[in-house]
Amino acid sequence: MLRRKFLKQLAAAGAASGCRWTRASQPRAARVGVVGAGIVGASVAYHLSRAGAQVTLFEKAQPASGATQNSFAWLNAFVADPDYRALRLQSLMAYHDLDRRLGLGIVWGGYANWARTPPEVRSLEESARQMDGTPYPVRRIDVSELLAMTPSLVPGTVAEAFYSGIDGHLNPLEATRRFVAAARRQGTVVKLQCEVQELDMAHGVLTGVRTAQGGLPLDHLVVAAGVDTPSVLAHAGFPLKLRHAPGILAHSTPASRVTPIIFDAPGHLSFKQMADGSIVGTDSLEPPDIPAHREIRDHAMAFPDEALRAMHGNRILAKIGELLPAARGVTLERLTLGFRPIPLDELPVVGAVPNLPNLYVVVTHSGVTLAPILGRYVTQEVMSGSRIEALAPFRPERFAAGTPRIARAAPMLVP
């Protein structure tokens, strides 16, 4: 879109001066590489190709095969940092347009949580206040309204409950595939099983990349590789670090559809029902510090034991079944172990790498929530060279300047 507008302006200028523009004299489309076909990279590739860039999407495995496929995929704006919250709200609004255009299958059912003890009530009230001053305040509900939303829910004692009507959820794997398919239709070249191994540099400017499938010259490179982002940026000498953050999710076989709502229940239990009826949830922010989890808490790895996997998955589904009868007796389909790309200050990292204007990075924990707005803003900045004010707090140079400030993240950090 930006490129078409630019070409129209050039054509108008040429007509006014009596000149005729030939195909040979038209500017070449910008060659932009995107590293990582998770939901953020796929959105960036989609938006770039829609703007007229010549896009190549590099993925070392398959689309959504990293953090994206292991995401709880709750679309929300709950975070205390006001700049971060504003960005998330913009992205939620952008999702509605993309949902209509691409058929992402978003379930806009809202989000409900409840508490039983005074400490839990205080935590809920604090979370609810995060949306004060926005057009979408969280409202307090009583137990009768909570049950009216999902009549089959068995919440037990409810001391306090809240509801947010703007939240939604989606299938992150399917949504990413939709972005990739749409990008392909617009001309994006998708290279799977193709890991970027080196960055070609000349006089402080990126000139291309090298992969196992060969080299490719580029005008710009956007690194959206999730937990692999630091290793890619290391080729350019930029020392970005992420927090090691494993998390698990239990996925059931489909059950009868009873609710479109995402729930946070007492005891760190979070769950939802997907459009296909399957139940997805977790009961722990991160693995407990016990010997069986020592390696997982230390570094990224596959789950060490199928028996341990089944134990965790069945435990989570049993807890959900106590509150949601539709989940009682469902079969565990799989337990996913994901590693979330969380910057050290828990804020997104978005922008050109310092002193390398055509090497761009975008990495964040809330990739599923932020994918639409980051795709849009990254495209605008890459294609025009502008710096969007909404991204000012999230620039990568804050890491080069010293220890970044610590943000207060959302109350739940499931994958």
Protein backbone atom coordinates (compact mmCIF):
# COMPACT_ATOMS: atom_id res chain seq x y z
CA MET A 1 0.00 0.00 0.00
CA LEU A 2 2.79 2.41 0.91
CA ARG A 3 4.69 1.47 -2.24
CA ARG A 4 1.59 1.95 -4.47
CA LYS A 5 1.00 5.37 -2.96
CA PHE A 6 4.66 6.25 -3.53
CA LEU A 7 4.50 5.15 -7.17
CA LYS A 8 1.34 7.19 -7.77
CA GLN A 9 3.09 10.26 -6.37
CA LEU A 10 6.08 9.66 -8.65
CA ALA A 11 3.82 9.22 -11.67
CA ALA A 12 1.94 12.42 -10.89
CA ALA A 13 5.20 14.32 -10.53
CA GLY A 14 6.41 12.94 -13.85
CA ALA A 15 3.20 13.92 -15.65
CA ALA A 16 3.40 17.43 -14.25
CA SER A 17 6.93 17.87 -15.59
CA GLY A 18 6.13 16.45 -19.01
CA CYS A 19 8.20 13.30 -18.36
CA ARG A 20 7.01 9.76 -19.08
CA TRP A 21 7.95 7.03 -16.60
CA THR A 22 9.02 3.73 -18.13
CA ARG A 23 9.03 0.35 -16.38
CA ALA A 24 12.83 0.40 -16.31
CA SER A 25 12.88 3.71 -14.43
CA GLN A 26 10.45 2.63 -11.70
CA PRO A 27 12.03 1.92 -8.32
CA ARG A 28 12.73 -1.71 -7.50
CA ALA A 29 10.63 -3.30 -4.78
CA ALA A 30 12.45 -3.48 -1.45
CA ARG A 31 13.88 -6.95 -0.81
CA VAL A 32 13.00 -7.79 2.79
CA GLY A 33 13.85 -10.99 4.63
CA VAL A 34 11.90 -12.10 7.70
CA VAL A 35 13.47 -14.67 10.03
CA GLY A 36 10.92 -16.81 11.86
CA ALA A 37 7.48 -18.03 10.79
CA GLY A 38 5.82 -17.86 14.19
CA ILE A 39 2.70 -15.71 14.39
CA VAL A 40 4.70 -12.46 14.67
CA GLY A 41 7.01 -13.21 11.74
CA ALA A 42 4.08 -14.46 9.66
CA SER A 43 2.14 -11.26 10.37
CA VAL A 44 5.17 -9.14 9.48
CA ALA A 45 5.64 -11.04 6.20
CA TYR A 46 1.94 -10.66 5.39
CA HIS A 47 1.90 -6.91 6.03
CA LEU A 48 5.19 -6.32 4.19
CA SER A 49 4.06 -8.18 1.10
CA ARG A 50 0.74 -6.35 1.19
CA ALA A 51 2.69 -3.08 1.18
CA GLY A 52 4.56 -4.11 -1.97
CA ALA A 53 7.84 -5.47 -0.59
CA GLN A 54 9.60 -8.45 -2.16
CA VAL A 55 9.50 -10.70 0.91
CA THR A 56 11.36 -13.90 1.76
CA LEU A 57 10.25 -15.67 4.94
CA PHE A 58 12.90 -17.95 6.48
CA GLU A 59 11.84 -20.68 8.91
CA LYS A 60 14.24 -23.30 10.29
CA ALA A 61 11.41 -25.83 10.82
CA GLN A 62 7.69 -25.31 10.05
CA PRO A 63 5.35 -22.34 10.60
CA ALA A 64 4.34 -21.89 14.26
CA SER A 65 6.62 -24.73 15.37
CA GLY A 66 8.18 -22.75 18.25
CA ALA A 67 6.55 -20.68 20.98
CA THR A 68 3.48 -20.00 18.84
CA GLN A 69 2.18 -23.55 18.76
CA ASN A 70 2.64 -23.80 22.53
CA SER A 71 0.79 -20.57 23.28
CA PHE A 72 -2.36 -20.28 25.37
CA ALA A 73 -3.31 -17.65 22.76
CA TRP A 74 -5.32 -15.36 25.05
CA LEU A 75 -5.83 -11.99 23.35
CA ASN A 76 -5.79 -9.42 26.13
CA ALA A 77 -4.47 -6.07 27.32
CA PHE A 78 -3.78 -6.88 30.97
CA VAL A 79 -0.45 -5.30 31.87
CA ALA A 80 0.41 -2.49 34.26
CA ASP A 81 2.80 -0.62 31.95
CA PRO A 82 0.61 2.03 30.22
CA ASP A 83 2.57 2.13 26.95
CA TYR A 84 2.54 -1.63 26.67
CA ARG A 85 -1.18 -1.74 27.50
CA ALA A 86 -1.94 0.88 24.83
CA LEU A 87 -0.06 -1.17 22.22
CA ARG A 88 -1.98 -4.30 23.17
CA LEU A 89 -5.31 -2.46 22.93
CA GLN A 90 -4.40 -1.23 19.45
CA SER A 91 -3.60 -4.79 18.46
CA LEU A 92 -6.90 -6.14 19.77
CA MET A 93 -8.72 -3.64 17.57
CA ALA A 94 -6.54 -4.54 14.58
CA TYR A 95 -7.42 -8.22 15.09
CA HIS A 96 -11.09 -7.56 14.30
CA ASP A 97 -10.20 -6.30 10.82
CA LEU A 98 -7.77 -9.16 10.20
CA ASP A 99 -10.28 -11.71 11.47
CA ARG A 100 -12.80 -10.53 8.88
CA ARG A 101 -10.20 -10.39 6.10
CA LEU A 102 -8.35 -13.66 6.73
CA GLY A 103 -10.86 -15.77 8.66
CA LEU A 104 -8.63 -16.28 11.71
CA GLY A 105 -11.40 -17.96 13.68
CA ILE A 106 -11.10 -15.79 16.78
CA VAL A 107 -13.49 -16.58 19.62
CA TRP A 108 -14.47 -13.21 21.12
CA GLY A 109 -15.93 -14.61 24.31
CA GLY A 110 -14.36 -12.33 26.91
CA TYR A 111 -12.42 -13.22 30.05
CA ALA A 112 -13.65 -13.98 33.59
CA ASN A 113 -11.77 -14.56 36.83
CA TRP A 114 -12.78 -15.09 40.41
CA ALA A 115 -11.23 -15.33 43.86
CA ARG A 116 -11.97 -17.09 47.12
CA THR A 117 -9.51 -15.64 49.65
CA PRO A 118 -8.65 -12.05 50.62
CA PRO A 119 -5.17 -12.21 49.03
CA GLU A 120 -6.71 -13.53 45.79
CA VAL A 121 -9.32 -10.75 45.89
CA ARG A 122 -6.60 -8.10 46.22
CA SER A 123 -4.73 -9.59 43.27
CA LEU A 124 -7.87 -9.57 41.12
CA GLU A 125 -8.70 -6.00 42.04
CA GLU A 126 -5.17 -4.94 41.12
CA SER A 127 -5.44 -6.65 37.74
CA ALA A 128 -8.86 -5.11 37.09
CA ARG A 129 -7.50 -1.61 37.81
CA GLN A 130 -5.02 -2.02 34.95
CA MET A 131 -7.86 -1.29 32.54
CA ASP A 132 -9.12 1.80 34.40
CA GLY A 133 -8.90 4.90 32.24
CA THR A 134 -9.22 2.91 29.01
CA PRO A 135 -12.42 2.63 26.93
CA TYR A 136 -12.65 -0.99 28.13
CA PRO A 137 -12.81 -1.09 31.94
CA VAL A 138 -13.21 -4.44 33.65
CA ARG A 139 -16.50 -4.80 35.49
CA ARG A 140 -17.26 -6.56 38.74
CA ILE A 141 -19.81 -9.37 38.46
CA ASP A 142 -21.58 -11.50 41.06
CA VAL A 143 -21.77 -15.27 41.12
CA SER A 144 -25.20 -15.33 39.44
CA GLU A 145 -23.85 -13.40 36.44
CA LEU A 146 -20.78 -15.62 36.30
CA LEU A 147 -23.02 -18.68 36.18
CA ALA A 148 -25.31 -17.05 33.60
CA MET A 149 -22.31 -16.71 31.29
CA THR A 150 -21.48 -20.40 31.59
CA PRO A 151 -24.36 -22.26 33.30
CA SER A 152 -22.37 -25.50 33.59
CA LEU A 153 -19.55 -23.83 35.55
CA VAL A 154 -19.09 -25.03 39.14
CA PRO A 155 -16.89 -22.28 40.63
CA GLY A 156 -17.27 -23.13 44.33
CA THR A 157 -16.92 -20.22 46.75
CA VAL A 158 -16.78 -16.86 44.96
CA ALA A 159 -15.66 -13.91 47.10
CA GLU A 160 -15.13 -11.62 44.09
CA ALA A 161 -15.39 -11.95 40.31
CA PHE A 162 -14.60 -9.76 37.31
CA TYR A 163 -15.33 -9.84 33.59
CA SER A 164 -13.54 -8.25 30.62
CA GLY A 165 -15.61 -8.19 27.46
CA ILE A 166 -12.94 -7.38 24.87
CA ASP A 167 -10.75 -10.45 25.31
CA GLY A 168 -10.66 -13.36 22.90
CA HIS A 169 -8.71 -16.44 21.99
CA LEU A 170 -7.72 -18.34 18.86
CA ASN A 171 -5.94 -21.39 17.52
CA PRO A 172 -2.40 -19.99 17.14
CA LEU A 173 -1.25 -22.68 14.72
CA GLU A 174 -4.19 -22.13 12.37
CA ALA A 175 -3.96 -18.34 12.58
CA THR A 176 -0.26 -18.46 11.69
CA ARG A 177 -1.00 -20.70 8.71
CA ARG A 178 -3.57 -18.16 7.54
CA PHE A 179 -1.01 -15.35 7.72
CA VAL A 180 1.56 -17.43 5.81
CA ALA A 181 -0.96 -18.47 3.14
CA ALA A 182 -2.08 -14.87 2.63
CA ALA A 183 1.55 -13.71 2.43
CA ARG A 184 2.24 -16.38 -0.19
CA ARG A 185 -0.72 -15.21 -2.28
CA GLN A 186 0.80 -11.75 -2.23
CA GLY A 187 4.16 -13.00 -3.50
CA THR A 188 6.10 -13.89 -0.35
CA VAL A 189 8.64 -16.66 -0.90
CA VAL A 190 8.48 -19.05 2.07
CA LYS A 191 11.64 -21.07 2.74
CA LEU A 192 11.00 -23.86 5.24
CA GLN A 193 13.68 -26.03 6.87
CA CYS A 194 15.92 -23.08 6.07
CA GLU A 195 17.92 -21.70 8.99
CA VAL A 196 19.70 -18.37 8.66
CA GLN A 197 23.33 -19.21 9.46
CA GLU A 198 25.17 -15.95 8.76
CA LEU A 199 24.49 -12.29 8.09
CA ASP A 200 26.41 -10.62 5.26
CA MET A 201 27.62 -7.16 6.22
CA ALA A 202 29.47 -4.43 4.32
CA HIS A 203 30.51 -1.04 5.74
CA GLY A 204 28.11 -1.36 8.67
CA VAL A 205 25.11 -2.28 6.54
CA LEU A 206 23.42 -5.65 6.17
CA THR A 207 23.60 -6.82 2.55
CA GLY A 208 22.07 -10.30 2.78
CA VAL A 209 21.92 -13.63 4.57
CA ARG A 210 23.42 -17.07 4.14
CA THR A 211 21.48 -20.25 4.75
CA ALA A 212 21.97 -23.96 4.16
CA GLN A 213 20.05 -23.40 0.93
CA GLY A 214 22.40 -20.65 -0.23
CA GLY A 215 22.80 -16.91 0.08
CA LEU A 216 20.30 -14.17 -0.66
CA PRO A 217 20.91 -10.41 -1.09
CA LEU A 218 18.54 -8.21 0.91
CA ASP A 219 17.80 -4.55 1.50
CA HIS A 220 16.33 -5.19 4.96
CA LEU A 221 16.12 -8.06 7.42
CA VAL A 222 13.50 -8.42 10.17
CA VAL A 223 14.43 -10.91 12.90
CA ALA A 224 11.29 -12.32 14.52
CA ALA A 225 12.72 -15.66 15.58
CA GLY A 226 11.34 -15.96 19.11
CA VAL A 227 13.79 -17.60 21.51
CA ASP A 228 16.30 -17.92 18.65
CA THR A 229 16.40 -14.14 18.15
CA PRO A 230 19.52 -13.59 20.33
CA SER A 231 21.55 -16.16 18.36
CA VAL A 232 20.61 -14.51 15.05
CA LEU A 233 21.46 -11.01 16.34
CA ALA A 234 24.76 -12.31 17.71
CA HIS A 235 25.96 -12.54 14.09
CA ALA A 236 25.68 -8.76 14.03
CA GLY A 237 27.31 -8.32 17.43
CA PHE A 238 24.15 -7.21 19.26
CA PRO A 239 23.89 -8.86 22.73
CA LEU A 240 20.17 -9.29 23.32
CA LYS A 241 19.21 -11.61 26.20
CA LEU A 242 15.90 -13.28 26.96
CA ARG A 243 14.61 -14.80 30.18
CA HIS A 244 14.35 -18.59 30.20
CA ALA A 245 10.63 -19.17 30.70
CA PRO A 246 9.23 -22.70 30.22
CA GLY A 247 5.53 -23.43 30.54
CA ILE A 248 3.15 -26.33 29.96
CA LEU A 249 -0.37 -26.61 28.57
CA ALA A 250 -2.71 -29.59 28.67
CA HIS A 251 -4.80 -30.13 25.52
CA SER A 252 -7.79 -32.48 25.63
CA THR A 253 -9.71 -34.27 22.95
CA PRO A 254 -12.89 -32.37 21.91
CA ALA A 255 -15.78 -32.18 24.36
CA SER A 256 -19.26 -30.66 24.12
CA ARG A 257 -19.05 -26.91 23.55
CA VAL A 258 -20.16 -25.06 26.67
CA THR A 259 -18.23 -21.78 26.84
CA PRO A 260 -16.42 -19.20 24.69
CA ILE A 261 -14.87 -17.53 27.76
CA ILE A 262 -11.29 -17.66 28.98
CA PHE A 263 -11.19 -18.33 32.73
CA ASP A 264 -8.69 -17.64 35.50
CA ALA A 265 -9.65 -19.61 38.59
CA PRO A 266 -8.12 -19.70 42.08
CA GLY A 267 -4.87 -21.62 42.37
CA HIS A 268 -3.28 -20.34 39.13
CA LEU A 269 -5.69 -22.45 37.07
CA SER A 270 -6.30 -20.99 33.61
CA PHE A 271 -8.40 -22.65 30.94
CA LYS A 272 -10.49 -22.16 27.81
CA GLN A 273 -12.47 -24.22 25.33
CA MET A 274 -11.32 -24.04 21.72
CA ALA A 275 -13.68 -23.70 18.77
CA ASP A 276 -13.37 -27.46 18.13
CA GLY A 277 -14.44 -28.25 21.72
CA SER A 278 -11.02 -29.19 23.09
CA ILE A 279 -10.05 -27.95 26.54
CA VAL A 280 -6.72 -26.15 26.97
CA GLY A 281 -5.28 -25.06 30.30
CA THR A 282 -2.52 -24.91 32.86
CA ASP A 283 -2.19 -24.74 36.64
CA SER A 284 1.29 -23.30 37.04
CA LEU A 285 3.11 -20.24 35.75
CA GLU A 286 6.39 -22.17 35.51
CA PRO A 287 7.59 -25.67 36.47
CA PRO A 288 7.91 -26.12 40.25
CA ASP A 289 11.48 -26.29 41.49
CA ILE A 290 11.80 -30.03 42.00
CA PRO A 291 14.51 -32.45 40.79
CA ALA A 292 12.34 -33.77 37.93
CA HIS A 293 12.13 -30.26 36.45
CA ARG A 294 15.72 -29.18 37.02
CA GLU A 295 16.88 -29.46 33.41
CA ILE A 296 13.72 -27.85 32.01
CA ARG A 297 14.15 -24.90 34.37
CA ASP A 298 17.75 -24.55 33.23
CA HIS A 299 17.56 -24.77 29.43
CA ALA A 300 15.28 -25.50 26.49
CA MET A 301 14.78 -29.20 25.92
CA ALA A 302 12.19 -31.83 25.04
CA PHE A 303 10.00 -33.21 27.81
CA PRO A 304 12.14 -35.90 29.46
CA ASP A 305 9.55 -38.54 30.26
CA GLU A 306 6.19 -39.57 28.75
CA ALA A 307 4.91 -40.74 32.12
CA LEU A 308 5.70 -37.32 33.61
CA ARG A 309 4.03 -35.66 30.64
CA ALA A 310 0.85 -37.72 31.14
CA MET A 311 0.86 -37.07 34.88
CA HIS A 312 1.01 -33.29 34.40
CA GLY A 313 -1.60 -33.28 31.64
CA ASN A 314 -4.10 -35.45 33.47
CA ARG A 315 -3.64 -33.47 36.70
CA ILE A 316 -4.44 -30.21 34.91
CA LEU A 317 -7.50 -31.63 33.14
CA ALA A 318 -8.77 -33.12 36.41
CA LYS A 319 -8.56 -29.71 38.10
CA ILE A 320 -10.40 -28.07 35.21
CA GLY A 321 -13.02 -30.84 35.35
CA GLU A 322 -13.79 -29.96 38.97
CA LEU A 323 -14.93 -26.53 37.76
CA LEU A 324 -16.17 -27.32 34.25
CA PRO A 325 -18.16 -30.57 34.05
CA ALA A 326 -17.72 -30.71 30.26
CA ALA A 327 -14.05 -31.42 30.90
CA ARG A 328 -14.66 -34.33 33.24
CA GLY A 329 -13.40 -37.57 31.81
CA VAL A 330 -11.96 -36.04 28.63
CA THR A 331 -8.85 -37.70 27.28
CA LEU A 332 -5.51 -35.94 27.31
CA GLU A 333 -4.59 -35.38 23.66
CA ARG A 334 -1.18 -33.86 24.36
CA LEU A 335 0.84 -31.84 26.85
CA THR A 336 2.92 -29.10 25.25
CA LEU A 337 6.13 -27.71 26.71
CA GLY A 338 6.88 -24.23 25.40
CA PHE A 339 9.67 -21.71 25.93
CA ARG A 340 8.45 -18.13 25.87
CA PRO A 341 10.55 -15.34 24.32
CA ILE A 342 10.47 -12.89 27.24
CA PRO A 343 12.92 -9.94 27.23
CA LEU A 344 14.59 -9.30 30.57
CA ASP A 345 12.35 -6.30 31.33
CA GLU A 346 9.25 -8.16 30.06
CA LEU A 347 8.56 -5.47 27.43
CA PRO A 348 8.64 -5.98 23.65
CA VAL A 349 11.85 -5.31 21.75
CA VAL A 350 10.98 -3.64 18.45
CA GLY A 351 13.10 -1.56 16.10
CA ALA A 352 16.31 -1.24 14.14
CA VAL A 353 19.41 -2.63 15.81
CA PRO A 354 21.64 0.24 16.98
CA ASN A 355 24.08 1.32 14.23
CA LEU A 356 22.50 -1.15 11.77
CA PRO A 357 19.53 0.69 10.28
CA ASN A 358 18.43 -2.09 7.92
CA LEU A 359 18.59 -4.88 10.53
CA TYR A 360 15.32 -4.90 12.47
CA VAL A 361 14.30 -6.95 15.50
CA VAL A 362 10.89 -7.78 16.93
CA VAL A 363 10.60 -10.13 19.91
CA THR A 364 8.03 -10.25 22.69
CA HIS A 365 6.27 -12.66 25.00
CA SER A 366 2.81 -11.50 24.00
CA GLY A 367 3.40 -12.39 20.37
CA VAL A 368 -0.09 -13.75 19.78
CA THR A 369 -1.76 -10.62 21.17
CA LEU A 370 0.63 -8.22 19.44
CA ALA A 371 1.01 -9.90 16.04
CA PRO A 372 -1.41 -7.62 14.12
CA ILE A 373 -0.13 -4.26 15.35
CA LEU A 374 3.52 -5.30 15.16
CA GLY A 375 3.01 -6.51 11.60
CA ARG A 376 1.51 -3.15 10.69
CA TYR A 377 4.02 -0.94 12.52
CA VAL A 378 7.12 -2.90 11.53
CA THR A 379 6.03 -2.65 7.90
CA GLN A 380 5.57 1.10 8.14
CA GLU A 381 8.97 1.61 9.70
CA VAL A 382 10.86 -0.73 7.35
CA MET A 383 9.20 0.59 4.20
CA SER A 384 9.36 4.30 5.04
CA GLY A 385 12.31 4.59 7.43
CA SER A 386 10.03 6.31 9.94
CA ARG A 387 9.95 5.83 13.71
CA ILE A 388 6.45 5.32 15.08
CA GLU A 389 5.89 7.02 18.42
CA ALA A 390 3.91 4.10 19.87
CA LEU A 391 7.05 1.93 19.62
CA ALA A 392 9.39 4.45 21.30
CA PRO A 393 9.42 2.69 24.72
CA PHE A 394 10.36 -0.63 23.16
CA ARG A 395 13.48 0.15 21.15
CA PRO A 396 16.41 -2.31 21.31
CA GLU A 397 18.87 0.46 22.19
CA ARG A 398 17.62 0.38 25.78
CA PHE A 399 19.62 -2.82 26.19
CA ALA A 400 22.75 -1.28 24.74
CA ALA A 401 22.44 1.64 27.18
CA GLY A 402 22.47 -0.45 30.36
CA THR A 403 20.03 -2.33 32.53
CA PRO A 404 16.46 -1.76 31.31
CA ARG A 405 13.60 -0.93 33.64
CA ILE A 406 11.48 -3.84 34.80
CA ALA A 407 7.86 -3.82 33.69
CA ARG A 408 4.99 -5.27 35.62
CA ALA A 409 3.71 -7.97 33.36
CA ALA A 410 0.27 -9.49 33.00
CA PRO A 411 -0.92 -11.46 36.04
CA MET A 412 -0.67 -14.72 34.12
CA LEU A 413 2.34 -15.72 32.05
CA VAL A 414 1.16 -18.94 30.46
CA PRO A 415 2.90 -19.79 27.18
